Amino acid sequence: MKVWQKGFFLVLIVSLFLTACSGGKSTSSDASAAADDKANTAEATEIVVKHAMGETKINPEPKRVVVLTNEGTEALLELGIKPVGAVKSWTGDPWYPHIKDDMEGVTNVGDEKQPNIELIASLKPDLILGTKMRHEKIYAQLSAIAPTVMSETLRGEWKDNFKLWAEAVNKKAEGDTILAKYESRIAAFKEKAGDQLKTQVSVVRFMPGIVRIYYNDTFLGIILKEIGFARPEKQDLAKFADDIGKERIPEMEGDILFYFTYETGNGEASALEKEWTNDSLWKNLNVVKNKKAFLVDDVIWNTAGGVRAANMLLTQLGTYFNVEV
C-alpha cells in the first residue's frame, strides 16, 4: 500500500472514532447556539408595547383579538380587524347601528364594566385590549389568558387610545394615516366655518334619572375645541360634566344647543327629556326661543366615543353650520 493511501485510511479511522464517541449528536456548543438562534427568532417575532399597566410582549400578527371597550371596537374595525370577541355596545342589540354590519359573527363577551372572563378564555384570544379605568382589577386574570394591553382611561382620549390599539396590532402606519385624514377634516372644518367659530356651543345630556351639562373633557367637548368653537363661559371648563337640577337650566344658555338622550329601553331618559324640555326655564332660554336647540344622536355625539363616530360626528355637525368636510 502506498504512503498516501495509508495516510488516508488513518484519517478516516480517526474520523469514524470521533463520530462514534459523540453518538452522532451535536456538541453542547452546537446545542447552545441553536437555542440562542431560537430565542433570537422568538424575540424578532415579538413586539413590546408600553401601556397603562406596564409592558407586554405581543405577537406582531394577532389573529384572535378580544376588545373590552366600545371605542376600542371602532378602532379595530377602522384598522381592518374584526375581533373574535367584544363587549356589547352601550345601546343596540348587541351592537350600535353604525357598526352592526361589520360585527357579524363577533361574540358578545358581556358589559364593558363587567366582561365575562370565562367566555373570553373560551375564545382562545392571542391579544386582549382593555382600559385601566374599567378593568384594572381583572388585569391579572386577563393577562393569564392572553397578552393584555390597557389604555389609561376613556372619555375624550379616543385618539391617544387609537394610537395604542394601532401599535398593539402592529398597524401603526395604517393608524397614522387614519388619524391624519381625521386631522385634515378638522382643519378643513375650521377653515370653512370662519366666523361661525365664535358661536357658543352648549352641550346637554339626558340619562335615566340624571341631567348633565357637558364640558370640555368629553368626546364632543374635545372635538369642539379641536375645531375652535367657543363655549358658554360656564361650560368652558377643563372637566367632564356636572349633574344638575332644574335650577341650573339657565347655565345651558348658548348660541346653539345640542342635547342627546341616553335611552336604555325603559323610556325613563326620554320621559326626563320631555319633562325638562317642557319646563318654563328651558322654554325661556334664548337658544330655545331662537329655535337653535337641537336633539342629536346620543350614540354618535357621545356614547360610542371612537374614531368612526368622531368622523360621523364631524359630518353631522357640519350640517348645522353649512360646512362640508
C-alpha atoms as a PDB file:
ATOM      1  CA  MET A   1       0.000   0.000   0.000  1.00  0.00           C
ATOM      2  CA  LYS A   2       1.326   3.410  -0.908  1.00  0.00           C
ATOM      3  CA  VAL A   3       2.144   6.015   1.732  1.00  0.00           C
ATOM      4  CA  TRP A   4      -0.653   8.405   0.734  1.00  0.00           C
ATOM      5  CA  GLN A   5      -3.209   5.578   0.956  1.00  0.00           C
ATOM      6  CA  LYS A   6      -2.070   4.712   4.484  1.00  0.00           C
ATOM      7  CA  GLY A   7      -2.476   8.355   5.485  1.00  0.00           C
ATOM      8  CA  PHE A   8      -5.958   8.471   4.005  1.00  0.00           C
ATOM      9  CA  PHE A   9      -7.126   5.383   5.919  1.00  0.00           C
ATOM     10  CA  LEU A  10      -5.634   6.724   9.141  1.00  0.00           C
ATOM     11  CA  VAL A  11      -7.619   9.977   8.844  1.00  0.00           C
ATOM     12  CA  LEU A  12     -10.787   8.030   8.020  1.00  0.00           C
ATOM     13  CA  ILE A  13     -10.395   5.765  11.086  1.00  0.00           C
ATOM     14  CA  VAL A  14      -9.833   8.747  13.409  1.00  0.00           C
ATOM     15  CA  SER A  15     -12.904  10.491  11.964  1.00  0.00           C
ATOM     16  CA  LEU A  16     -15.096   7.449  12.467  1.00  0.00           C
ATOM     17  CA  PHE A  17     -13.824   7.053  16.028  1.00  0.00           C
ATOM     18  CA  LEU A  18     -14.710  10.671  16.943  1.00  0.00           C
ATOM     19  CA  THR A  19     -18.165  10.349  15.421  1.00  0.00           C
ATOM     20  CA  ALA A  20     -18.846   7.205  17.428  1.00  0.00           C
ATOM     21  CA  CYS A  21     -17.744   8.898  20.642  1.00  0.00           C
ATOM     22  CA  SER A  22     -20.127  11.767  20.080  1.00  0.00           C
ATOM     23  CA  GLY A  23     -23.009   9.416  19.254  1.00  0.00           C
ATOM     24  CA  GLY A  24     -23.597  11.338  16.009  1.00  0.00           C
ATOM     25  CA  LYS A  25     -25.178  14.166  18.035  1.00  0.00           C
ATOM     26  CA  SER A  26     -24.463  17.888  18.098  1.00  0.00           C
ATOM     27  CA  THR A  27     -21.942  19.065  20.638  1.00  0.00           C
ATOM     28  CA  SER A  28     -23.053  21.113  23.624  1.00  0.00           C
ATOM     29  CA  SER A  29     -21.793  24.267  21.908  1.00  0.00           C
ATOM     30  CA  ASP A  30     -23.909  23.449  18.848  1.00  0.00           C
ATOM     31  CA  ALA A  31     -26.995  22.944  21.039  1.00  0.00           C
ATOM     32  CA  SER A  32     -26.344  26.208  22.832  1.00  0.00           C
ATOM     33  CA  ALA A  33     -26.034  28.045  19.540  1.00  0.00           C
ATOM     34  CA  ALA A  34     -29.275  26.521  18.308  1.00  0.00           C
ATOM     35  CA  ALA A  35     -31.054  27.595  21.491  1.00  0.00           C
ATOM     36  CA  ASP A  36     -29.715  31.117  21.089  1.00  0.00           C
ATOM     37  CA  ASP A  37     -30.908  31.204  17.483  1.00  0.00           C
ATOM     38  CA  LYS A  38     -34.373  30.066  18.579  1.00  0.00           C
ATOM     39  CA  ALA A  39     -34.544  32.709  21.308  1.00  0.00           C
ATOM     40  CA  ASN A  40     -33.404  35.401  18.908  1.00  0.00           C
ATOM     41  CA  THR A  41     -36.022  34.320  16.405  1.00  0.00           C
ATOM     42  CA  ALA A  42     -38.736  34.475  19.090  1.00  0.00           C
ATOM     43  CA  GLU A  43     -37.617  37.950  20.096  1.00  0.00           C
ATOM     44  CA  ALA A  44     -37.626  39.046  16.480  1.00  0.00           C
ATOM     45  CA  THR A  45     -41.221  37.915  16.078  1.00  0.00           C
ATOM     46  CA  GLU A  46     -42.489  39.777  19.166  1.00  0.00           C
ATOM     47  CA  ILE A  47     -43.182  43.427  19.781  1.00  0.00           C
ATOM     48  CA  VAL A  48     -43.169  45.116  23.189  1.00  0.00           C
ATOM     49  CA  VAL A  49     -45.972  47.587  23.884  1.00  0.00           C
ATOM     50  CA  LYS A  50     -45.906  50.035  26.799  1.00  0.00           C
ATOM     51  CA  HIS A  51     -49.336  50.742  28.264  1.00  0.00           C
ATOM     52  CA  ALA A  52     -51.174  51.825  31.416  1.00  0.00           C
ATOM     53  CA  MET A  53     -50.367  48.590  33.269  1.00  0.00           C
ATOM     54  CA  GLY A  54     -46.730  48.168  32.198  1.00  0.00           C
ATOM     55  CA  GLU A  55     -45.135  46.461  29.201  1.00  0.00           C
ATOM     56  CA  THR A  56     -46.434  43.471  27.267  1.00  0.00           C
ATOM     57  CA  LYS A  57     -44.834  41.230  24.646  1.00  0.00           C
ATOM     58  CA  ILE A  58     -47.175  40.630  21.740  1.00  0.00           C
ATOM     59  CA  ASN A  59     -47.279  38.553  18.583  1.00  0.00           C
ATOM     60  CA  PRO A  60     -46.905  41.127  15.784  1.00  0.00           C
ATOM     61  CA  GLU A  61     -49.724  39.499  13.811  1.00  0.00           C
ATOM     62  CA  PRO A  62     -52.526  38.781  16.313  1.00  0.00           C
ATOM     63  CA  LYS A  63     -55.284  36.689  14.774  1.00  0.00           C
ATOM     64  CA  ARG A  64     -57.792  36.465  17.632  1.00  0.00           C
ATOM     65  CA  VAL A  65     -58.324  39.805  19.349  1.00  0.00           C
ATOM     66  CA  VAL A  66     -60.812  40.432  22.150  1.00  0.00           C
ATOM     67  CA  VAL A  67     -61.645  44.089  22.822  1.00  0.00           C
ATOM     68  CA  LEU A  68     -63.282  45.322  26.030  1.00  0.00           C
ATOM     69  CA  THR A  69     -64.186  48.934  25.203  1.00  0.00           C
ATOM     70  CA  ASN A  70     -66.642  50.408  22.733  1.00  0.00           C
ATOM     71  CA  GLU A  71     -64.141  52.887  21.309  1.00  0.00           C
ATOM     72  CA  GLY A  72     -61.580  50.085  21.011  1.00  0.00           C
ATOM     73  CA  THR A  73     -64.015  48.111  18.879  1.00  0.00           C
ATOM     74  CA  GLU A  74     -64.314  51.043  16.467  1.00  0.00           C
ATOM     75  CA  ALA A  75     -60.533  51.334  16.338  1.00  0.00           C
ATOM     76  CA  LEU A  76     -60.083  47.692  15.332  1.00  0.00           C
ATOM     77  CA  LEU A  77     -62.759  47.921  12.653  1.00  0.00           C
ATOM     78  CA  GLU A  78     -61.181  51.031  11.147  1.00  0.00           C
ATOM     79  CA  LEU A  79     -57.819  49.244  11.132  1.00  0.00           C
ATOM     80  CA  GLY A  80     -59.381  46.393   9.187  1.00  0.00           C
ATOM     81  CA  ILE A  81     -59.510  43.888  12.061  1.00  0.00           C
ATOM     82  CA  LYS A  82     -62.667  42.053  13.108  1.00  0.00           C
ATOM     83  CA  PRO A  83     -62.348  40.977  16.763  1.00  0.00           C
ATOM     84  CA  VAL A  84     -63.336  37.454  17.760  1.00  0.00           C
ATOM     85  CA  GLY A  85     -64.989  38.909  20.844  1.00  0.00           C
ATOM     86  CA  ALA A  86     -66.083  42.338  22.040  1.00  0.00           C
ATOM     87  CA  VAL A  87     -68.099  43.874  24.849  1.00  0.00           C
ATOM     88  CA  LYS A  88     -71.577  44.803  23.727  1.00  0.00           C
ATOM     89  CA  SER A  89     -72.419  48.336  22.709  1.00  0.00           C
ATOM     90  CA  TRP A  90     -73.998  50.504  25.412  1.00  0.00           C
ATOM     91  CA  THR A  91     -77.157  50.560  23.318  1.00  0.00           C
ATOM     92  CA  GLY A  92     -78.184  48.238  20.497  1.00  0.00           C
ATOM     93  CA  ASP A  93     -78.754  44.501  20.356  1.00  0.00           C
ATOM     94  CA  PRO A  94     -75.893  43.965  20.875  1.00  0.00           C
ATOM     95  CA  TRP A  95     -74.129  46.445  18.553  1.00  0.00           C
ATOM     96  CA  TYR A  96     -74.589  50.093  17.608  1.00  0.00           C
ATOM     97  CA  PRO A  97     -76.293  50.549  14.224  1.00  0.00           C
ATOM     98  CA  HIS A  98     -73.197  52.169  12.701  1.00  0.00           C
ATOM     99  CA  ILE A  99     -71.018  49.085  13.375  1.00  0.00           C
ATOM    100  CA  LYS A 100     -73.630  46.323  13.283  1.00  0.00           C
ATOM    101  CA  ASP A 101     -72.859  45.068   9.761  1.00  0.00           C
ATOM    102  CA  ASP A 102     -69.131  44.832  10.470  1.00  0.00           C
ATOM    103  CA  MET A 103     -69.700  42.879  13.703  1.00  0.00           C
ATOM    104  CA  GLU A 104     -71.497  39.901  12.231  1.00  0.00           C
ATOM    105  CA  GLY A 105     -70.142  36.721  13.834  1.00  0.00           C
ATOM    106  CA  VAL A 106     -68.353  38.528  16.684  1.00  0.00           C
ATOM    107  CA  THR A 107     -69.015  37.039  20.135  1.00  0.00           C
ATOM    108  CA  ASN A 108     -70.583  39.349  22.709  1.00  0.00           C
ATOM    109  CA  VAL A 109     -68.422  38.951  25.843  1.00  0.00           C
ATOM    110  CA  GLY A 110     -70.618  40.983  28.163  1.00  0.00           C
ATOM    111  CA  ASP A 111     -70.744  44.515  29.514  1.00  0.00           C
ATOM    112  CA  GLU A 112     -67.809  46.922  29.303  1.00  0.00           C
ATOM    113  CA  LYS A 113     -67.895  47.320  33.077  1.00  0.00           C
ATOM    114  CA  GLN A 114     -68.115  43.568  33.735  1.00  0.00           C
ATOM    115  CA  PRO A 115     -66.879  41.373  30.872  1.00  0.00           C
ATOM    116  CA  ASN A 116     -67.302  37.593  31.062  1.00  0.00           C
ATOM    117  CA  ILE A 117     -63.844  36.204  31.886  1.00  0.00           C
ATOM    118  CA  GLU A 118     -64.724  32.564  31.188  1.00  0.00           C
ATOM    119  CA  LEU A 119     -66.247  33.406  27.824  1.00  0.00           C
ATOM    120  CA  ILE A 120     -63.174  35.439  26.891  1.00  0.00           C
ATOM    121  CA  ALA A 121     -60.927  32.491  27.767  1.00  0.00           C
ATOM    122  CA  SER A 122     -63.051  30.129  25.665  1.00  0.00           C
ATOM    123  CA  LEU A 123     -62.347  32.255  22.586  1.00  0.00           C
ATOM    124  CA  LYS A 124     -58.619  31.499  22.935  1.00  0.00           C
ATOM    125  CA  PRO A 125     -57.514  35.070  22.130  1.00  0.00           C
ATOM    126  CA  ASP A 126     -53.908  35.954  21.336  1.00  0.00           C
ATOM    127  CA  LEU A 127     -54.459  39.606  22.357  1.00  0.00           C
ATOM    128  CA  ILE A 128     -56.838  41.408  24.728  1.00  0.00           C
ATOM    129  CA  LEU A 129     -57.430  45.166  24.680  1.00  0.00           C
ATOM    130  CA  GLY A 130     -58.964  46.909  27.696  1.00  0.00           C
ATOM    131  CA  THR A 131     -58.734  50.039  29.811  1.00  0.00           C
ATOM    132  CA  LYS A 132     -57.373  50.624  33.307  1.00  0.00           C
ATOM    133  CA  MET A 133     -60.385  52.811  34.059  1.00  0.00           C
ATOM    134  CA  ARG A 134     -62.681  49.787  33.782  1.00  0.00           C
ATOM    135  CA  HIS A 135     -60.529  46.675  34.013  1.00  0.00           C
ATOM    136  CA  GLU A 136     -57.612  47.304  36.379  1.00  0.00           C
ATOM    137  CA  LYS A 137     -58.930  44.800  38.942  1.00  0.00           C
ATOM    138  CA  ILE A 138     -59.146  41.964  36.394  1.00  0.00           C
ATOM    139  CA  TYR A 139     -55.892  42.716  34.572  1.00  0.00           C
ATOM    140  CA  ALA A 140     -54.096  39.726  36.135  1.00  0.00           C
ATOM    141  CA  GLN A 141     -56.905  37.378  35.120  1.00  0.00           C
ATOM    142  CA  LEU A 142     -56.932  38.716  31.580  1.00  0.00           C
ATOM    143  CA  SER A 143     -53.134  38.534  31.295  1.00  0.00           C
ATOM    144  CA  ALA A 144     -53.279  34.864  32.322  1.00  0.00           C
ATOM    145  CA  ILE A 145     -55.480  34.243  29.288  1.00  0.00           C
ATOM    146  CA  ALA A 146     -53.513  36.231  26.695  1.00  0.00           C
ATOM    147  CA  PRO A 147     -51.187  39.244  26.346  1.00  0.00           C
ATOM    148  CA  THR A 148     -53.244  42.208  27.528  1.00  0.00           C
ATOM    149  CA  VAL A 149     -52.824  45.908  26.715  1.00  0.00           C
ATOM    150  CA  MET A 150     -54.716  48.628  28.587  1.00  0.00           C
ATOM    151  CA  SER A 151     -55.304  52.296  27.933  1.00  0.00           C
ATOM    152  CA  GLU A 152     -55.311  54.682  30.889  1.00  0.00           C
ATOM    153  CA  THR A 153     -58.874  55.973  30.563  1.00  0.00           C
ATOM    154  CA  LEU A 154     -61.783  56.699  28.214  1.00  0.00           C
ATOM    155  CA  ARG A 155     -63.965  59.807  27.797  1.00  0.00           C
ATOM    156  CA  GLY A 156     -62.339  62.199  25.345  1.00  0.00           C
ATOM    157  CA  GLU A 157     -58.998  60.439  24.919  1.00  0.00           C
ATOM    158  CA  TRP A 158     -60.003  58.340  21.918  1.00  0.00           C
ATOM    159  CA  LYS A 159     -57.083  59.496  19.749  1.00  0.00           C
ATOM    160  CA  ASP A 160     -54.448  58.514  22.324  1.00  0.00           C
ATOM    161  CA  ASN A 161     -56.178  55.171  22.744  1.00  0.00           C
ATOM    162  CA  PHE A 162     -56.428  54.694  18.994  1.00  0.00           C
ATOM    163  CA  LYS A 163     -52.663  55.105  18.662  1.00  0.00           C
ATOM    164  CA  LEU A 164     -52.154  52.492  21.381  1.00  0.00           C
ATOM    165  CA  TRP A 165     -54.519  49.997  19.727  1.00  0.00           C
ATOM    166  CA  ALA A 166     -52.825  50.522  16.367  1.00  0.00           C
ATOM    167  CA  GLU A 167     -49.444  49.830  17.958  1.00  0.00           C
ATOM    168  CA  ALA A 168     -50.757  46.737  19.743  1.00  0.00           C
ATOM    169  CA  VAL A 169     -51.959  45.154  16.486  1.00  0.00           C
ATOM    170  CA  ASN A 170     -48.792  46.288  14.684  1.00  0.00           C
ATOM    171  CA  LYS A 171     -50.616  48.673  12.373  1.00  0.00           C
ATOM    172  CA  LYS A 172     -49.034  51.948  13.421  1.00  0.00           C
ATOM    173  CA  ALA A 173     -48.584  53.181   9.849  1.00  0.00           C
ATOM    174  CA  GLU A 174     -52.215  52.475   8.996  1.00  0.00           C
ATOM    175  CA  GLY A 175     -53.289  54.154  12.235  1.00  0.00           C
ATOM    176  CA  ASP A 176     -51.231  57.257  11.487  1.00  0.00           C
ATOM    177  CA  THR A 177     -52.891  57.510   8.066  1.00  0.00           C
ATOM    178  CA  ILE A 178     -56.382  57.258   9.573  1.00  0.00           C
ATOM    179  CA  LEU A 179     -55.617  59.943  12.163  1.00  0.00           C
ATOM    180  CA  ALA A 180     -54.037  62.194   9.535  1.00  0.00           C
ATOM    181  CA  LYS A 181     -57.238  62.039   7.492  1.00  0.00           C
ATOM    182  CA  TYR A 182     -59.257  62.938  10.565  1.00  0.00           C
ATOM    183  CA  GLU A 183     -56.952  65.871  11.376  1.00  0.00           C
ATOM    184  CA  SER A 184     -57.273  67.137   7.806  1.00  0.00           C
ATOM    185  CA  ARG A 185     -61.065  67.107   8.185  1.00  0.00           C
ATOM    186  CA  ILE A 186     -60.756  69.099  11.434  1.00  0.00           C
ATOM    187  CA  ALA A 187     -58.543  71.653   9.670  1.00  0.00           C
ATOM    188  CA  ALA A 188     -60.956  71.893   6.740  1.00  0.00           C
ATOM    189  CA  PHE A 189     -63.913  72.379   9.094  1.00  0.00           C
ATOM    190  CA  LYS A 190     -62.076  75.141  10.945  1.00  0.00           C
ATOM    191  CA  GLU A 191     -61.216  76.932   7.705  1.00  0.00           C
ATOM    192  CA  LYS A 192     -64.692  76.680   6.193  1.00  0.00           C
ATOM    193  CA  ALA A 193     -66.530  77.627   9.393  1.00  0.00           C
ATOM    194  CA  GLY A 194     -64.796  81.007   9.589  1.00  0.00           C
ATOM    195  CA  ASP A 195     -66.586  83.468  11.891  1.00  0.00           C
ATOM    196  CA  GLN A 196     -69.068  80.764  12.880  1.00  0.00           C
ATOM    197  CA  LEU A 197     -66.409  79.508  15.280  1.00  0.00           C
ATOM    198  CA  LYS A 198     -67.451  82.370  17.573  1.00  0.00           C
ATOM    199  CA  THR A 199     -70.737  80.534  18.097  1.00  0.00           C
ATOM    200  CA  GLN A 200     -71.047  79.482  21.736  1.00  0.00           C
ATOM    201  CA  VAL A 201     -71.965  75.792  21.728  1.00  0.00           C
ATOM    202  CA  SER A 202     -73.896  74.394  24.681  1.00  0.00           C
ATOM    203  CA  VAL A 203     -73.993  70.624  25.336  1.00  0.00           C
ATOM    204  CA  VAL A 204     -76.573  68.780  27.468  1.00  0.00           C
ATOM    205  CA  ARG A 205     -77.348  65.096  28.061  1.00  0.00           C
ATOM    206  CA  PHE A 206     -80.422  63.352  29.460  1.00  0.00           C
ATOM    207  CA  MET A 207     -79.956  59.968  31.159  1.00  0.00           C
ATOM    208  CA  PRO A 208     -82.186  57.789  33.346  1.00  0.00           C
ATOM    209  CA  GLY A 209     -82.695  59.955  36.441  1.00  0.00           C
ATOM    210  CA  ILE A 210     -79.808  62.305  35.544  1.00  0.00           C
ATOM    211  CA  VAL A 211     -79.361  65.515  33.547  1.00  0.00           C
ATOM    212  CA  ARG A 212     -75.840  66.661  32.748  1.00  0.00           C
ATOM    213  CA  ILE A 213     -74.148  69.703  31.304  1.00  0.00           C
ATOM    214  CA  TYR A 214     -71.079  68.512  29.419  1.00  0.00           C
ATOM    215  CA  TYR A 215     -67.804  70.426  29.487  1.00  0.00           C
ATOM    216  CA  ASN A 216     -64.513  70.212  27.579  1.00  0.00           C
ATOM    217  CA  ASP A 217     -63.172  66.851  28.783  1.00  0.00           C
ATOM    218  CA  THR A 218     -65.776  64.886  26.856  1.00  0.00           C
ATOM    219  CA  PHE A 219     -65.942  63.257  23.447  1.00  0.00           C
ATOM    220  CA  LEU A 220     -67.873  66.130  21.871  1.00  0.00           C
ATOM    221  CA  GLY A 221     -66.178  68.766  24.023  1.00  0.00           C
ATOM    222  CA  ILE A 222     -62.715  67.851  22.769  1.00  0.00           C
ATOM    223  CA  ILE A 223     -63.852  67.828  19.136  1.00  0.00           C
ATOM    224  CA  LEU A 224     -65.425  71.286  19.546  1.00  0.00           C
ATOM    225  CA  LYS A 225     -62.125  72.544  20.986  1.00  0.00           C
ATOM    226  CA  GLU A 226     -60.155  70.972  18.137  1.00  0.00           C
ATOM    227  CA  ILE A 227     -62.278  72.811  15.604  1.00  0.00           C
ATOM    228  CA  GLY A 228     -62.112  76.030  17.625  1.00  0.00           C
ATOM    229  CA  PHE A 229     -65.737  76.612  18.593  1.00  0.00           C
ATOM    230  CA  ALA A 230     -66.465  78.873  21.537  1.00  0.00           C
ATOM    231  CA  ARG A 231     -68.278  77.528  24.607  1.00  0.00           C
ATOM    232  CA  PRO A 232     -70.522  79.421  27.033  1.00  0.00           C
ATOM    233  CA  GLU A 233     -68.395  80.769  29.902  1.00  0.00           C
ATOM    234  CA  LYS A 234     -69.960  78.450  32.469  1.00  0.00           C
ATOM    235  CA  GLN A 235     -69.319  75.429  30.231  1.00  0.00           C
ATOM    236  CA  ASP A 236     -65.780  76.310  29.167  1.00  0.00           C
ATOM    237  CA  LEU A 237     -64.282  74.137  31.890  1.00  0.00           C
ATOM    238  CA  ALA A 238     -61.472  71.563  31.804  1.00  0.00           C
ATOM    239  CA  LYS A 239     -63.577  68.821  33.364  1.00  0.00           C
ATOM    240  CA  PHE A 240     -66.071  66.163  32.366  1.00  0.00           C
ATOM    241  CA  ALA A 241     -69.597  67.175  33.384  1.00  0.00           C
ATOM    242  CA  ASP A 242     -71.942  68.234  36.169  1.00  0.00           C
ATOM    243  CA  ASP A 243     -75.165  66.526  37.192  1.00  0.00           C
ATOM    244  CA  ILE A 244     -77.662  69.332  37.660  1.00  0.00           C
ATOM    245  CA  GLY A 245     -81.124  70.200  38.952  1.00  0.00           C
ATOM    246  CA  LYS A 246     -83.640  72.349  37.108  1.00  0.00           C
ATOM    247  CA  GLU A 247     -82.454  75.462  38.910  1.00  0.00           C
ATOM    248  CA  ARG A 248     -79.304  75.292  36.772  1.00  0.00           C
ATOM    249  CA  ILE A 249     -81.111  75.199  33.431  1.00  0.00           C
ATOM    250  CA  PRO A 250     -80.029  78.829  32.768  1.00  0.00           C
ATOM    251  CA  GLU A 251     -76.440  77.503  32.554  1.00  0.00           C
ATOM    252  CA  MET A 252     -77.490  75.703  29.368  1.00  0.00           C
ATOM    253  CA  GLU A 253     -77.727  79.026  27.536  1.00  0.00           C
ATOM    254  CA  GLY A 254     -75.694  79.402  24.360  1.00  0.00           C
ATOM    255  CA  ASP A 255     -75.891  80.465  20.732  1.00  0.00           C
ATOM    256  CA  ILE A 256     -76.650  76.885  19.755  1.00  0.00           C
ATOM    257  CA  LEU A 257     -77.513  73.935  21.992  1.00  0.00           C
ATOM    258  CA  PHE A 258     -77.025  70.257  21.211  1.00  0.00           C
ATOM    259  CA  TYR A 259     -78.703  67.758  23.513  1.00  0.00           C
ATOM    260  CA  PHE A 260     -78.782  63.976  23.400  1.00  0.00           C
ATOM    261  CA  THR A 261     -80.624  61.311  25.340  1.00  0.00           C
ATOM    262  CA  TYR A 262     -79.182  58.027  26.565  1.00  0.00           C
ATOM    263  CA  GLU A 263     -82.151  55.701  26.406  1.00  0.00           C
ATOM    264  CA  THR A 264     -81.673  52.209  27.803  1.00  0.00           C
ATOM    265  CA  GLY A 265     -85.015  50.878  26.637  1.00  0.00           C
ATOM    266  CA  ASN A 266     -87.386  51.560  29.520  1.00  0.00           C
ATOM    267  CA  GLY A 267     -88.276  55.079  28.400  1.00  0.00           C
ATOM    268  CA  GLU A 268     -87.046  56.731  31.608  1.00  0.00           C
ATOM    269  CA  ALA A 269     -84.491  59.005  29.957  1.00  0.00           C
ATOM    270  CA  SER A 270     -86.900  60.025  27.192  1.00  0.00           C
ATOM    271  CA  ALA A 271     -89.544  60.881  29.782  1.00  0.00           C
ATOM    272  CA  LEU A 272     -87.000  63.016  31.661  1.00  0.00           C
ATOM    273  CA  GLU A 273     -86.045  64.789  28.441  1.00  0.00           C
ATOM    274  CA  LYS A 274     -89.709  65.565  27.724  1.00  0.00           C
ATOM    275  CA  GLU A 275     -90.247  66.848  31.279  1.00  0.00           C
ATOM    276  CA  TRP A 276     -87.264  69.200  31.165  1.00  0.00           C
ATOM    277  CA  THR A 277     -87.780  70.489  27.645  1.00  0.00           C
ATOM    278  CA  ASN A 278     -91.341  71.427  28.615  1.00  0.00           C
ATOM    279  CA  ASP A 279     -90.200  73.271  31.722  1.00  0.00           C
ATOM    280  CA  SER A 280     -90.641  77.049  31.718  1.00  0.00           C
ATOM    281  CA  LEU A 281     -86.938  77.601  32.484  1.00  0.00           C
ATOM    282  CA  TRP A 282     -85.981  75.595  29.375  1.00  0.00           C
ATOM    283  CA  LYS A 283     -88.520  77.391  27.216  1.00  0.00           C
ATOM    284  CA  ASN A 284     -87.225  80.732  28.491  1.00  0.00           C
ATOM    285  CA  LEU A 285     -83.692  80.072  27.188  1.00  0.00           C
ATOM    286  CA  ASN A 286     -82.869  82.392  24.295  1.00  0.00           C
ATOM    287  CA  VAL A 287     -81.297  79.494  22.404  1.00  0.00           C
ATOM    288  CA  VAL A 288     -84.650  77.679  22.614  1.00  0.00           C
ATOM    289  CA  LYS A 289     -86.671  80.768  21.673  1.00  0.00           C
ATOM    290  CA  ASN A 290     -84.392  81.230  18.659  1.00  0.00           C
ATOM    291  CA  LYS A 291     -85.032  77.596  17.640  1.00  0.00           C
ATOM    292  CA  LYS A 292     -81.343  76.748  17.969  1.00  0.00           C
ATOM    293  CA  ALA A 293     -81.715  73.821  20.370  1.00  0.00           C
ATOM    294  CA  PHE A 294     -81.258  70.516  18.525  1.00  0.00           C
ATOM    295  CA  LEU A 295     -81.759  66.907  19.597  1.00  0.00           C
ATOM    296  CA  VAL A 296     -78.927  64.793  18.150  1.00  0.00           C
ATOM    297  CA  ASP A 297     -77.927  61.116  18.181  1.00  0.00           C
ATOM    298  CA  ASP A 298     -76.529  60.129  21.595  1.00  0.00           C
ATOM    299  CA  VAL A 299     -74.532  57.227  20.115  1.00  0.00           C
ATOM    300  CA  ILE A 300     -72.637  59.285  17.536  1.00  0.00           C
ATOM    301  CA  TRP A 301     -72.336  62.514  19.509  1.00  0.00           C
ATOM    302  CA  ASN A 302     -71.318  60.946  22.798  1.00  0.00           C
ATOM    303  CA  THR A 303     -71.634  57.285  23.721  1.00  0.00           C
ATOM    304  CA  ALA A 304     -69.710  55.367  21.049  1.00  0.00           C
ATOM    305  CA  GLY A 305     -66.664  57.555  21.541  1.00  0.00           C
ATOM    306  CA  GLY A 306     -64.415  56.084  18.831  1.00  0.00           C
ATOM    307  CA  VAL A 307     -62.767  57.027  15.560  1.00  0.00           C
ATOM    308  CA  ARG A 308     -65.723  56.036  13.389  1.00  0.00           C
ATOM    309  CA  ALA A 309     -68.182  58.008  15.500  1.00  0.00           C
ATOM    310  CA  ALA A 310     -65.813  61.008  15.510  1.00  0.00           C
ATOM    311  CA  ASN A 311     -65.793  61.125  11.723  1.00  0.00           C
ATOM    312  CA  MET A 312     -69.564  60.712  11.562  1.00  0.00           C
ATOM    313  CA  LEU A 313     -69.965  63.472  14.139  1.00  0.00           C
ATOM    314  CA  LEU A 314     -67.924  65.869  12.004  1.00  0.00           C
ATOM    315  CA  THR A 315     -70.222  65.200   9.069  1.00  0.00           C
ATOM    316  CA  GLN A 316     -73.377  65.692  11.148  1.00  0.00           C
ATOM    317  CA  LEU A 317     -72.015  68.761  12.928  1.00  0.00           C
ATOM    318  CA  GLY A 318     -71.272  70.299   9.553  1.00  0.00           C
ATOM    319  CA  THR A 319     -74.942  70.225   8.600  1.00  0.00           C
ATOM    320  CA  TYR A 320     -75.732  72.760  11.356  1.00  0.00           C
ATOM    321  CA  PHE A 321     -73.101  75.205  10.086  1.00  0.00           C
ATOM    322  CA  ASN A 322     -73.329  74.563   6.354  1.00  0.00           C
ATOM    323  CA  VAL A 323     -69.833  73.085   6.375  1.00  0.00           C
ATOM    324  CA  GLU A 324     -68.958  70.027   4.309  1.00  0.00           C
ATOM    325  CA  VAL A 325     -65.756  68.143   5.074  1.00  0.00           C
END
